[in-house]
PDB file of N, CA and C in Angstrom:
ATOM      1  N   MET A   1       2.263  20.567  23.480  1.00  0.00           N
ATOM      2  CA  MET A   1       2.800  21.052  22.358  1.00  0.00           C
ATOM      3  C   MET A   1       3.242  22.617  22.305  1.00  0.00           C
ATOM      4  N   ALA A   2       4.033  23.082  21.799  1.00  0.00           N
ATOM      5  CA  ALA A   2       4.426  24.411  21.464  1.00  0.00           C
ATOM      6  C   ALA A   2       3.943  24.962  20.483  1.00  0.00           C
ATOM      7  N   ARG A   3       4.020  26.533  20.468  1.00  0.00           N
ATOM      8  CA  ARG A   3       3.195  26.868  19.305  1.00  0.00           C
ATOM      9  C   ARG A   3       4.385  26.592  17.942  1.00  0.00           C
ATOM     10  N   GLY A   4       3.715  26.370  17.110  1.00  0.00           N
ATOM     11  CA  GLY A   4       4.435  25.866  15.696  1.00  0.00           C
ATOM     12  C   GLY A   4       5.376  24.800  15.756  1.00  0.00           C
ATOM     13  N   GLU A   5       5.285  23.782  16.943  1.00  0.00           N
ATOM     14  CA  GLU A   5       5.691  22.538  16.910  1.00  0.00           C
ATOM     15  C   GLU A   5       4.943  21.346  16.160  1.00  0.00           C
ATOM     16  N   ALA A   6       5.433  20.329  15.220  1.00  0.00           N
ATOM     17  CA  ALA A   6       5.159  19.750  14.833  1.00  0.00           C
ATOM     18  C   ALA A   6       5.597  18.351  14.629  1.00  0.00           C
ATOM     19  N   GLN A   7       4.891  17.435  14.133  1.00  0.00           N
ATOM     20  CA  GLN A   7       5.806  16.261  13.683  1.00  0.00           C
ATOM     21  C   GLN A   7       5.186  15.768  12.326  1.00  0.00           C
ATOM     22  N   GLN A   8       5.927  15.367  11.186  1.00  0.00           N
ATOM     23  CA  GLN A   8       5.492  15.195  10.220  1.00  0.00           C
ATOM     24  C   GLN A   8       6.124  13.455   9.694  1.00  0.00           C
ATOM     25  N   THR A   9       5.483  12.845   9.502  1.00  0.00           N
ATOM     26  CA  THR A   9       6.014  11.680   9.009  1.00  0.00           C
ATOM     27  C   THR A   9       5.444  10.929   7.601  1.00  0.00           C
ATOM     28  N   LYS A  10       6.240  10.559   6.949  1.00  0.00           N
ATOM     29  CA  LYS A  10       6.067  10.408   5.535  1.00  0.00           C
ATOM     30  C   LYS A  10       6.750   9.113   4.996  1.00  0.00           C
ATOM     31  N   VAL A  11       6.205   8.163   3.971  1.00  0.00           N
ATOM     32  CA  VAL A  11       6.671   7.293   3.490  1.00  0.00           C
ATOM     33  C   VAL A  11       7.029   7.850   1.705  1.00  0.00           C
ATOM     34  N   HIS A  12       8.635   7.766   1.309  1.00  0.00           N
ATOM     35  CA  HIS A  12       9.110   7.944   0.424  1.00  0.00           C
ATOM     36  C   HIS A  12       9.244   6.764  -0.449  1.00  0.00           C
ATOM     37  N   TYR A  13       8.885   6.944  -1.755  1.00  0.00           N
ATOM     38  CA  TYR A  13       8.879   5.496  -2.482  1.00  0.00           C
ATOM     39  C   TYR A  13       9.553   6.167  -3.998  1.00  0.00           C
ATOM     40  N   LYS A  14      10.535   5.618  -4.110  1.00  0.00           N
ATOM     41  CA  LYS A  14      11.608   6.098  -5.118  1.00  0.00           C
ATOM     42  C   LYS A  14      11.051   5.127  -6.723  1.00  0.00           C
ATOM     43  N   GLY A  15      10.526   5.720  -7.608  1.00  0.00           N
ATOM     44  CA  GLY A  15      10.062   4.908  -8.567  1.00  0.00           C
ATOM     45  C   GLY A  15      10.912   5.267  -9.533  1.00  0.00           C
ATOM     46  N   LYS A  16      10.539   4.475 -11.057  1.00  0.00           N
ATOM     47  CA  LYS A  16      11.188   4.774 -12.107  1.00  0.00           C
ATOM     48  C   LYS A  16      11.351   5.944 -12.609  1.00  0.00           C
ATOM     49  N   ASP A  17      10.316   6.856 -12.637  1.00  0.00           N
ATOM     50  CA  ASP A  17      10.134   7.985 -13.324  1.00  0.00           C
ATOM     51  C   ASP A  17      10.101   9.068 -12.160  1.00  0.00           C
ATOM     52  N   GLU A  18       9.257   8.856 -11.363  1.00  0.00           N
ATOM     53  CA  GLU A  18       9.051   9.753 -10.306  1.00  0.00           C
ATOM     54  C   GLU A  18       9.310   9.559  -8.914  1.00  0.00           C
ATOM     55  N   ASP A  19       9.434  10.482  -8.089  1.00  0.00           N
ATOM     56  CA  ASP A  19       9.350  10.033  -6.499  1.00  0.00           C
ATOM     57  C   ASP A  19       8.019  10.360  -5.711  1.00  0.00           C
ATOM     58  N   PHE A  20       7.466   9.259  -4.991  1.00  0.00           N
ATOM     59  CA  PHE A  20       6.094   9.487  -4.536  1.00  0.00           C
ATOM     60  C   PHE A  20       6.310   9.611  -3.068  1.00  0.00           C
ATOM     61  N   ILE A  21       5.118  10.434  -2.503  1.00  0.00           N
ATOM     62  CA  ILE A  21       5.083  10.464  -0.917  1.00  0.00           C
ATOM     63  C   ILE A  21       3.688  10.111  -0.493  1.00  0.00           C
ATOM     64  N   VAL A  22       3.659   9.389   0.399  1.00  0.00           N
ATOM     65  CA  VAL A  22       2.451   9.331   1.113  1.00  0.00           C
ATOM     66  C   VAL A  22       2.691   9.936   2.688  1.00  0.00           C
ATOM     67  N   PHE A  23       1.575  10.571   3.197  1.00  0.00           N
ATOM     68  CA  PHE A  23       1.930  10.844   4.414  1.00  0.00           C
ATOM     69  C   PHE A  23       0.949   9.965   5.352  1.00  0.00           C
ATOM     70  N   VAL A  24       1.963   9.491   6.823  1.00  0.00           N
ATOM     71  CA  VAL A  24       1.208   8.544   7.591  1.00  0.00           C
ATOM     72  C   VAL A  24       1.065   9.125   8.912  1.00  0.00           C
ATOM     73  N   ASP A  25       0.134   8.862   9.604  1.00  0.00           N
ATOM     74  CA  ASP A  25      -0.309   9.411  10.918  1.00  0.00           C
ATOM     75  C   ASP A  25       0.921   9.317  12.214  1.00  0.00           C
ATOM     76  N   ASP A  26       1.032   7.951  11.980  1.00  0.00           N
ATOM     77  CA  ASP A  26       1.768   7.479  13.091  1.00  0.00           C
ATOM     78  C   ASP A  26       3.381   6.366  12.593  1.00  0.00           C
ATOM     79  N   ALA A  27       4.432   6.704  12.874  1.00  0.00           N
ATOM     80  CA  ALA A  27       5.450   5.448  12.324  1.00  0.00           C
ATOM     81  C   ALA A  27       5.329   4.379  12.725  1.00  0.00           C
ATOM     82  N   LYS A  28       5.019   4.461  14.075  1.00  0.00           N
ATOM     83  CA  LYS A  28       4.596   3.075  14.720  1.00  0.00           C
ATOM     84  C   LYS A  28       3.661   2.316  14.148  1.00  0.00           C
ATOM     85  N   ILE A  29       2.414   2.563  13.749  1.00  0.00           N
ATOM     86  CA  ILE A  29       1.498   2.119  13.314  1.00  0.00           C
ATOM     87  C   ILE A  29       1.539   1.732  11.668  1.00  0.00           C
ATOM     88  N   ALA A  30       2.432   2.689  11.260  1.00  0.00           N
ATOM     89  CA  ALA A  30       2.716   2.372   9.746  1.00  0.00           C
ATOM     90  C   ALA A  30       3.829   1.087   9.766  1.00  0.00           C
ATOM     91  N   LYS A  31       5.010   0.660  10.686  1.00  0.00           N
ATOM     92  CA  LYS A  31       5.788  -0.147  10.862  1.00  0.00           C
ATOM     93  C   LYS A  31       4.558  -1.725  11.167  1.00  0.00           C
ATOM     94  N   GLU A  32       3.715  -1.205  12.035  1.00  0.00           N
ATOM     95  CA  GLU A  32       3.073  -2.530  12.457  1.00  0.00           C
ATOM     96  C   GLU A  32       2.319  -3.175  11.270  1.00  0.00           C
ATOM     97  N   TRP A  33       1.547  -2.028  10.457  1.00  0.00           N
ATOM     98  CA  TRP A  33       1.016  -2.621   9.078  1.00  0.00           C
ATOM     99  C   TRP A  33       1.559  -3.138   8.314  1.00  0.00           C
ATOM    100  N   LYS A  34       2.860  -2.951   8.129  1.00  0.00           N
ATOM    101  CA  LYS A  34       3.688  -3.931   7.077  1.00  0.00           C
ATOM    102  C   LYS A  34       3.421  -5.643   7.686  1.00  0.00           C
ATOM    103  N   THR A  35       3.376  -5.599   8.583  1.00  0.00           N
ATOM    104  CA  THR A  35       3.580  -7.094   9.451  1.00  0.00           C
ATOM    105  C   THR A  35       1.887  -7.604   9.593  1.00  0.00           C
ATOM    106  N   ASP A  36       0.993  -6.554  10.082  1.00  0.00           N
ATOM    107  CA  ASP A  36       0.018  -6.756  10.410  1.00  0.00           C
ATOM    108  C   ASP A  36      -1.554  -6.202   9.556  1.00  0.00           C
ATOM    109  N   LYS A  37      -1.606  -6.449   8.487  1.00  0.00           N
ATOM    110  CA  LYS A  37      -2.194  -6.337   7.347  1.00  0.00           C
ATOM    111  C   LYS A  37      -3.821  -5.967   7.879  1.00  0.00           C
ATOM    112  N   SER A  38      -4.229  -6.554   8.983  1.00  0.00           N
ATOM    113  CA  SER A  38      -5.646  -6.459   9.400  1.00  0.00           C
ATOM    114  C   SER A  38      -5.640  -4.808   9.819  1.00  0.00           C
ATOM    115  N   ILE A  39      -4.775  -4.288  10.284  1.00  0.00           N
ATOM    116  CA  ILE A  39      -4.848  -2.771  10.558  1.00  0.00           C
ATOM    117  C   ILE A  39      -5.437  -2.059   9.578  1.00  0.00           C
ATOM    118  N   PRO A  40      -6.595  -1.616   9.720  1.00  0.00           N
ATOM    119  CA  PRO A  40      -7.305  -0.661   8.589  1.00  0.00           C
ATOM    120  C   PRO A  40      -6.341   0.541   7.879  1.00  0.00           C
ATOM    121  N   LEU A  41      -6.244   0.578   6.708  1.00  0.00           N
ATOM    122  CA  LEU A  41      -5.361   1.549   5.998  1.00  0.00           C
ATOM    123  C   LEU A  41      -5.593   3.011   6.492  1.00  0.00           C
ATOM    124  N   ALA A  42      -6.891   3.288   6.939  1.00  0.00           N
ATOM    125  CA  ALA A  42      -7.464   4.554   7.730  1.00  0.00           C
ATOM    126  C   ALA A  42      -6.658   4.952   8.556  1.00  0.00           C
ATOM    127  N   GLN A  43      -6.269   4.078   9.493  1.00  0.00           N
ATOM    128  CA  GLN A  43      -5.580   4.237  10.559  1.00  0.00           C
ATOM    129  C   GLN A  43      -4.265   4.529  10.663  1.00  0.00           C
ATOM    130  N   VAL A  44      -3.449   4.341   9.158  1.00  0.00           N
ATOM    131  CA  VAL A  44      -2.400   4.410   8.956  1.00  0.00           C
ATOM    132  C   VAL A  44      -1.935   5.614   8.097  1.00  0.00           C
ATOM    133  N   VAL A  45      -2.501   5.945   7.312  1.00  0.00           N
ATOM    134  CA  VAL A  45      -2.270   7.392   6.228  1.00  0.00           C
ATOM    135  C   VAL A  45      -3.087   8.444   6.998  1.00  0.00           C
ATOM    136  N   SER A  46      -2.608   9.519   6.635  1.00  0.00           N
ATOM    137  CA  SER A  46      -3.006  10.814   7.073  1.00  0.00           C
ATOM    138  C   SER A  46      -4.432  11.053   6.206  1.00  0.00           C
ATOM    139  N   ALA A  47      -4.003  10.954   5.081  1.00  0.00           N
ATOM    140  CA  ALA A  47      -5.197  11.546   3.845  1.00  0.00           C
ATOM    141  C   ALA A  47      -5.103  10.442   2.556  1.00  0.00           C
ATOM    142  N   PHE A  48      -5.700   9.915   1.999  1.00  0.00           N
ATOM    143  CA  PHE A  48      -5.870   8.769   0.864  1.00  0.00           C
ATOM    144  C   PHE A  48      -5.349   9.644  -0.206  1.00  0.00           C
ATOM    145  N   LYS A  49      -4.156  10.435  -0.170  1.00  0.00           N
ATOM    146  CA  LYS A  49      -3.813  11.199  -1.383  1.00  0.00           C
ATOM    147  C   LYS A  49      -2.528  10.847  -1.510  1.00  0.00           C
ATOM    148  N   ILE A  50      -1.715  10.879  -2.569  1.00  0.00           N
ATOM    149  CA  ILE A  50      -0.481  10.681  -3.276  1.00  0.00           C
ATOM    150  C   ILE A  50       0.280  11.741  -3.809  1.00  0.00           C
ATOM    151  N   PHE A  51       1.313  11.706  -3.408  1.00  0.00           N
ATOM    152  CA  PHE A  51       2.244  13.100  -4.005  1.00  0.00           C
ATOM    153  C   PHE A  51       3.295  12.921  -4.741  1.00  0.00           C
ATOM    154  N   VAL A  52       3.927  13.468  -5.859  1.00  0.00           N
ATOM    155  CA  VAL A  52       4.764  13.244  -6.612  1.00  0.00           C
ATOM    156  C   VAL A  52       5.568  14.314  -6.447  1.00  0.00           C
ATOM    157  N   THR A  53       6.976  14.289  -6.301  1.00  0.00           N
ATOM    158  CA  THR A  53       8.179  15.484  -6.446  1.00  0.00           C
ATOM    159  C   THR A  53       8.805  15.563  -7.409  1.00  0.00           C
ATOM    160  N   HIS A  54       8.506  15.140  -8.375  1.00  0.00           N
ATOM    161  CA  HIS A  54       9.107  14.945 -10.073  1.00  0.00           C
ATOM    162  C   HIS A  54      10.839  15.061  -9.675  1.00  0.00           C
ATOM    163  N   LYS A  55      11.069  13.790  -9.175  1.00  0.00           N
ATOM    164  CA  LYS A  55      12.442  13.451  -9.254  1.00  0.00           C
ATOM    165  C   LYS A  55      13.199  14.419  -8.276  1.00  0.00           C
ATOM    166  N   GLN A  56      12.673  14.843  -7.348  1.00  0.00           N
ATOM    167  CA  GLN A  56      13.607  15.722  -6.241  1.00  0.00           C
ATOM    168  C   GLN A  56      13.482  15.218  -4.953  1.00  0.00           C
ATOM    169  N   GLY A  57      13.370  13.957  -5.082  1.00  0.00           N
ATOM    170  CA  GLY A  57      13.356  13.404  -3.726  1.00  0.00           C
ATOM    171  C   GLY A  57      12.221  13.433  -2.570  1.00  0.00           C
ATOM    172  N   ALA A  58      12.675  13.201  -1.667  1.00  0.00           N
ATOM    173  CA  ALA A  58      11.539  13.725  -0.559  1.00  0.00           C
ATOM    174  C   ALA A  58      11.375  14.691   0.071  1.00  0.00           C
ATOM    175  N   GLN A  59      12.330  15.792  -0.420  1.00  0.00           N
ATOM    176  CA  GLN A  59      12.090  17.010  -0.074  1.00  0.00           C
ATOM    177  C   GLN A  59      11.362  17.975  -0.896  1.00  0.00           C
ATOM    178  N   GLY A  60      11.160  17.832  -2.146  1.00  0.00           N
ATOM    179  CA  GLY A  60      11.024  18.397  -3.460  1.00  0.00           C
ATOM    180  C   GLY A  60       9.552  19.089  -3.261  1.00  0.00           C
ATOM    181  N   THR A  61       9.195  19.959  -4.341  1.00  0.00           N
ATOM    182  CA  THR A  61       7.693  20.367  -4.609  1.00  0.00           C
ATOM    183  C   THR A  61       6.765  19.335  -4.809  1.00  0.00           C
ATOM    184  N   MET A  62       5.523  19.134  -3.829  1.00  0.00           N
ATOM    185  CA  MET A  62       4.791  18.131  -4.092  1.00  0.00           C
ATOM    186  C   MET A  62       3.504  18.621  -4.885  1.00  0.00           C
ATOM    187  N   ASP A  63       3.245  17.433  -5.638  1.00  0.00           N
ATOM    188  CA  ASP A  63       1.831  18.112  -6.290  1.00  0.00           C
ATOM    189  C   ASP A  63       1.160  16.886  -6.095  1.00  0.00           C
ATOM    190  N   GLY A  64      -0.028  16.686  -6.554  1.00  0.00           N
ATOM    191  CA  GLY A  64      -0.772  15.256  -6.689  1.00  0.00           C
ATOM    192  C   GLY A  64      -0.599  14.541  -7.576  1.00  0.00           C
ATOM    193  N   ALA A  65      -0.471  12.999  -7.817  1.00  0.00           N
ATOM    194  CA  ALA A  65      -0.169  12.297  -8.875  1.00  0.00           C
ATOM    195  C   ALA A  65      -1.293  12.166  -9.222  1.00  0.00           C
ATOM    196  N   SER A  66      -1.026  12.187 -11.171  1.00  0.00           N
ATOM    197  CA  SER A  66      -2.372  11.913 -11.622  1.00  0.00           C
ATOM    198  C   SER A  66      -2.212  10.638 -11.929  1.00  0.00           C
ATOM    199  N   ASN A  67      -3.691  10.321 -12.784  1.00  0.00           N
ATOM    200  CA  ASN A  67      -3.738   8.977 -12.879  1.00  0.00           C
ATOM    201  C   ASN A  67      -2.845   8.037 -13.711  1.00  0.00           C
ATOM    202  N   ALA A  68      -2.425   9.131 -14.503  1.00  0.00           N
ATOM    203  CA  ALA A  68      -1.485   8.503 -15.846  1.00  0.00           C
ATOM    204  C   ALA A  68      -0.223   8.222 -15.332  1.00  0.00           C
ATOM    205  N   THR A  69       0.214   9.146 -14.096  1.00  0.00           N
ATOM    206  CA  THR A  69       1.382   8.846 -13.567  1.00  0.00           C
ATOM    207  C   THR A  69       1.304   7.471 -12.708  1.00  0.00           C
ATOM    208  N   LEU A  70       0.320   7.304 -11.866  1.00  0.00           N
ATOM    209  CA  LEU A  70       0.353   6.138 -11.003  1.00  0.00           C
ATOM    210  C   LEU A  70      -0.020   4.840 -11.889  1.00  0.00           C
ATOM    211  N   ASP A  71      -0.624   5.021 -13.283  1.00  0.00           N
ATOM    212  CA  ASP A  71      -0.660   3.859 -14.038  1.00  0.00           C
ATOM    213  C   ASP A  71       0.771   3.448 -14.526  1.00  0.00           C
ATOM    214  N   ASN A  72       1.505   4.248 -14.877  1.00  0.00           N
ATOM    215  CA  ASN A  72       2.700   4.239 -15.552  1.00  0.00           C
ATOM    216  C   ASN A  72       3.616   3.360 -14.284  1.00  0.00           C
ATOM    217  N   GLU A  73       3.467   3.692 -13.201  1.00  0.00           N
ATOM    218  CA  GLU A  73       4.526   3.292 -11.968  1.00  0.00           C
ATOM    219  C   GLU A  73       3.962   2.233 -11.603  1.00  0.00           C
ATOM    220  N   PHE A  74       2.647   1.911 -11.089  1.00  0.00           N
ATOM    221  CA  PHE A  74       2.041   0.949 -10.465  1.00  0.00           C
ATOM    222  C   PHE A  74       1.115  -0.135 -11.358  1.00  0.00           C
ATOM    223  N   GLY A  75       0.855   0.266 -12.217  1.00  0.00           N
ATOM    224  CA  GLY A  75       0.192  -0.514 -12.863  1.00  0.00           C
ATOM    225  C   GLY A  75      -1.452  -0.251 -12.906  1.00  0.00           C
ATOM    226  N   THR A  76      -1.515   0.571 -11.470  1.00  0.00           N
ATOM    227  CA  THR A  76      -3.341   1.021 -11.415  1.00  0.00           C
ATOM    228  C   THR A  76      -2.968   2.265 -10.657  1.00  0.00           C
ATOM    229  N   HIS A  77      -4.083   2.955 -10.853  1.00  0.00           N
ATOM    230  CA  HIS A  77      -4.605   4.098 -10.203  1.00  0.00           C
ATOM    231  C   HIS A  77      -5.360   4.075  -9.349  1.00  0.00           C
ATOM    232  N   ILE A  78      -5.709   2.933  -8.890  1.00  0.00           N
ATOM    233  CA  ILE A  78      -6.471   3.021  -7.627  1.00  0.00           C
ATOM    234  C   ILE A  78      -5.833   3.106  -6.213  1.00  0.00           C
ATOM    235  N   GLU A  79      -6.222   4.297  -5.496  1.00  0.00           N
ATOM    236  CA  GLU A  79      -5.203   4.806  -4.675  1.00  0.00           C
ATOM    237  C   GLU A  79      -5.071   3.791  -3.654  1.00  0.00           C
ATOM    238  N   ASP A  80      -6.014   3.025  -3.038  1.00  0.00           N
ATOM    239  CA  ASP A  80      -5.824   2.282  -1.904  1.00  0.00           C
ATOM    240  C   ASP A  80      -4.523   1.230  -2.371  1.00  0.00           C
ATOM    241  N   GLU A  81      -4.757   0.504  -3.621  1.00  0.00           N
ATOM    242  CA  GLU A  81      -3.605  -0.210  -4.011  1.00  0.00           C
ATOM    243  C   GLU A  81      -2.273   0.091  -4.135  1.00  0.00           C
ATOM    244  N   VAL A  82      -2.392   1.465  -4.422  1.00  0.00           N
ATOM    245  CA  VAL A  82      -1.009   2.196  -5.009  1.00  0.00           C
ATOM    246  C   VAL A  82      -0.375   2.641  -3.589  1.00  0.00           C
ATOM    247  N   ILE A  83      -1.331   3.106  -2.558  1.00  0.00           N
ATOM    248  CA  ILE A  83      -0.843   3.620  -1.191  1.00  0.00           C
ATOM    249  C   ILE A  83      -0.248   2.478  -0.509  1.00  0.00           C
ATOM    250  N   LYS A  84      -0.565   0.996  -0.624  1.00  0.00           N
ATOM    251  CA  LYS A  84      -0.138  -0.132  -0.120  1.00  0.00           C
ATOM    252  C   LYS A  84       0.902  -0.644  -0.635  1.00  0.00           C
ATOM    253  N   GLN A  85       1.210  -0.528  -1.784  1.00  0.00           N
ATOM    254  CA  GLN A  85       2.525  -0.530  -2.611  1.00  0.00           C
ATOM    255  C   GLN A  85       3.751   0.538  -1.961  1.00  0.00           C
ATOM    256  N   ILE A  86       3.267   1.698  -2.033  1.00  0.00           N
ATOM    257  CA  ILE A  86       4.224   2.605  -1.495  1.00  0.00           C
ATOM    258  C   ILE A  86       4.776   2.314   0.300  1.00  0.00           C
ATOM    259  N   LEU A  87       3.635   1.825   0.846  1.00  0.00           N
ATOM    260  CA  LEU A  87       3.940   1.825   2.432  1.00  0.00           C
ATOM    261  C   LEU A  87       4.854   0.549   2.645  1.00  0.00           C
ATOM    262  N   GLU A  88       4.286  -0.328   1.724  1.00  0.00           N
ATOM    263  CA  GLU A  88       5.488  -1.717   1.831  1.00  0.00           C
ATOM    264  C   GLU A  88       6.818  -1.701   1.120  1.00  0.00           C
ATOM    265  N   LYS A  89       6.784  -0.994   0.307  1.00  0.00           N
ATOM    266  CA  LYS A  89       8.123  -0.713  -0.590  1.00  0.00           C
ATOM    267  C   LYS A  89       8.874   0.473  -0.417  1.00  0.00           C
ATOM    268  N   GLY A  90       8.472   1.670   0.484  1.00  0.00           N
ATOM    269  CA  GLY A  90       8.647   2.692   0.210  1.00  0.00           C
ATOM    270  C   GLY A  90       9.806   3.031   1.874  1.00  0.00           C
ATOM    271  N   THR A  91      10.392   3.947   1.994  1.00  0.00           N
ATOM    272  CA  THR A  91      11.195   4.438   3.428  1.00  0.00           C
ATOM    273  C   THR A  91      10.464   5.468   4.118  1.00  0.00           C
ATOM    274  N   LEU A  92      10.211   5.022   5.625  1.00  0.00           N
ATOM    275  CA  LEU A  92       9.724   5.796   6.139  1.00  0.00           C
ATOM    276  C   LEU A  92      10.705   6.908   6.736  1.00  0.00           C
ATOM    277  N   GLN A  93      10.010   8.169   6.667  1.00  0.00           N
ATOM    278  CA  GLN A  93      10.889   9.535   7.193  1.00  0.00           C
ATOM    279  C   GLN A  93      10.020  10.160   7.988  1.00  0.00           C
ATOM    280  N   GLU A  94      10.799  10.585   9.261  1.00  0.00           N
ATOM    281  CA  GLU A  94      10.341  11.091  10.376  1.00  0.00           C
ATOM    282  C   GLU A  94      11.031  12.567  10.421  1.00  0.00           C
ATOM    283  N   SER A  95      10.086  13.532  10.681  1.00  0.00           N
ATOM    284  CA  SER A  95      10.794  14.894  10.731  1.00  0.00           C
ATOM    285  C   SER A  95      10.026  15.809  11.768  1.00  0.00           C
ATOM    286  N   GLU A  96      10.797  16.403  12.506  1.00  0.00           N
ATOM    287  CA  GLU A  96      10.396  17.568  13.621  1.00  0.00           C
ATOM    288  C   GLU A  96      10.465  18.964  13.114  1.00  0.00           C
ATOM    289  N   PHE A  97       9.508  19.597  13.432  1.00  0.00           N
ATOM    290  CA  PHE A  97       9.348  21.232  13.562  1.00  0.00           C
ATOM    291  C   PHE A  97       9.586  21.963  14.498  1.00  0.00           C
ATOM    292  N   ALA A  98      10.959  22.565  14.746  1.00  0.00           N
ATOM    293  CA  ALA A  98      11.278  23.356  15.845  1.00  0.00           C
ATOM    294  C   ALA A  98      10.004  24.080  16.231  1.00  0.00           C
ATOM    295  N   GLU A  99       9.867  24.797  17.582  1.00  0.00           N
ATOM    296  CA  GLU A  99       8.789  25.640  17.996  1.00  0.00           C
ATOM    297  C   GLU A  99       9.372  26.881  17.632  1.00  0.00           C
ATOM    298  N   ARG A 100       8.647  27.730  17.020  1.00  0.00           N
ATOM    299  CA  ARG A 100       8.688  29.165  16.386  1.00  0.00           C
ATOM    300  C   ARG A 100       9.250  30.095  17.548  1.00  0.00           C
ATOM    301  N   GLN A 101      10.292  30.688  17.323  1.00  0.00           N
ATOM    302  CA  GLN A 101      10.823  31.952  17.794  1.00  0.00           C
ATOM    303  C   GLN A 101      10.196  33.172  17.715  1.00  0.00           C
ATOM    304  N   GLY A 102      10.387  34.029  18.638  1.00  0.00           N
ATOM    305  CA  GLY A 102      10.317  35.897  18.459  1.00  0.00           C
ATOM    306  C   GLY A 102       9.174  36.255  19.072  1.00  0.00           C
ATOM    307  N   PRO A 103       8.640  37.363  19.238  1.00  0.00           N
ATOM    308  CA  PRO A 103       7.724  37.795  20.103  1.00  0.00           C
ATOM    309  C   PRO A 103       6.374  37.294  19.883  1.00  0.00           C
ATOM    310  N   LYS A 104       5.674  36.753  20.901  1.00  0.00           N
ATOM    311  CA  LYS A 104       4.461  36.538  21.013  1.00  0.00           C
ATOM    312  C   LYS A 104       3.107  37.351  20.777  1.00  0.00           C
ATOM    313  N   ASN A 105       3.350  38.448  21.104  1.00  0.00           N
ATOM    314  CA  ASN A 105       2.347  39.814  20.521  1.00  0.00           C
ATOM    315  C   ASN A 105       3.034  41.282  20.765  1.00  0.00           C
ATOM    316  N   ASP A 106       3.351  41.583  19.792  1.00  0.00           N
ATOM    317  CA  ASP A 106       4.138  42.774  19.512  1.00  0.00           C
ATOM    318  C   ASP A 106       3.288  43.987  20.108  1.00  0.00           C
ATOM    319  N   SER A 107       2.147  44.122  19.873  1.00  0.00           N
ATOM    320  CA  SER A 107       1.425  45.286  20.375  1.00  0.00           C
ATOM    321  C   SER A 107       1.210  45.377  21.885  1.00  0.00           C
ATOM    322  N   MET A 108       0.923  44.139  22.290  1.00  0.00           N
ATOM    323  CA  MET A 108       0.634  43.929  23.521  1.00  0.00           C
ATOM    324  C   MET A 108      -0.648  45.119  24.429  1.00  0.00           C
ATOM    325  N   GLY A 109      -1.234  45.419  23.282  1.00  0.00           N
ATOM    326  CA  GLY A 109      -2.658  46.185  23.510  1.00  0.00           C
ATOM    327  C   GLY A 109      -2.490  47.434  24.175  1.00  0.00           C
ATOM    328  N   SER A 110      -2.890  47.700  25.516  1.00  0.00           N
ATOM    329  CA  SER A 110      -2.683  49.259  26.383  1.00  0.00           C
ATOM    330  C   SER A 110      -1.687  49.258  27.181  1.00  0.00           C
ATOM    331  N   ARG A 111      -0.882  47.857  27.252  1.00  0.00           N
ATOM    332  CA  ARG A 111      -0.058  47.537  28.365  1.00  0.00           C
ATOM    333  C   ARG A 111       1.544  48.154  27.779  1.00  0.00           C
ATOM    334  N   ALA A 112       1.217  48.516  26.310  1.00  0.00           N
ATOM    335  CA  ALA A 112       2.773  48.812  25.473  1.00  0.00           C
ATOM    336  C   ALA A 112       3.173  50.269  26.257  1.00  0.00           C
ATOM    337  N   GLY A 113       4.558  50.301  26.162  1.00  0.00           N
ATOM    338  CA  GLY A 113       4.986  51.602  26.604  1.00  0.00           C
ATOM    339  C   GLY A 113       5.020  52.588  25.651  1.00  0.00           C
ATOM    340  N   HIS A 114       4.591  53.889  25.789  1.00  0.00           N
ATOM    341  CA  HIS A 114       4.270  54.746  25.172  1.00  0.00           C
ATOM    342  C   HIS A 114       5.637  56.009  24.904  1.00  0.00           C
TER     343      HIS A 114
END
């Protein structure tokens, strides 16, 4: 993998009052989990953390979802249950970040021309 290059996979769920995001490790495993619930949730999600974007869609500023927000939308604030609902009802989104461009070492130490 080149310097700065990364792939990010998330599941976006548009709720009544908020947009919710959960990050997953691998899109393929997330799709398999929808049909095979025997796959442990820990192998699907990157972290057991639910984010809200304050109605700004999948690209908005992400903050941690409060228990009250989760209760209002999903009827529970138990993260495992909420994550399962987001994975089942949300849309999977993959994005890649391009390799960073520019000089790798400006100073070049003692090899720099004076």
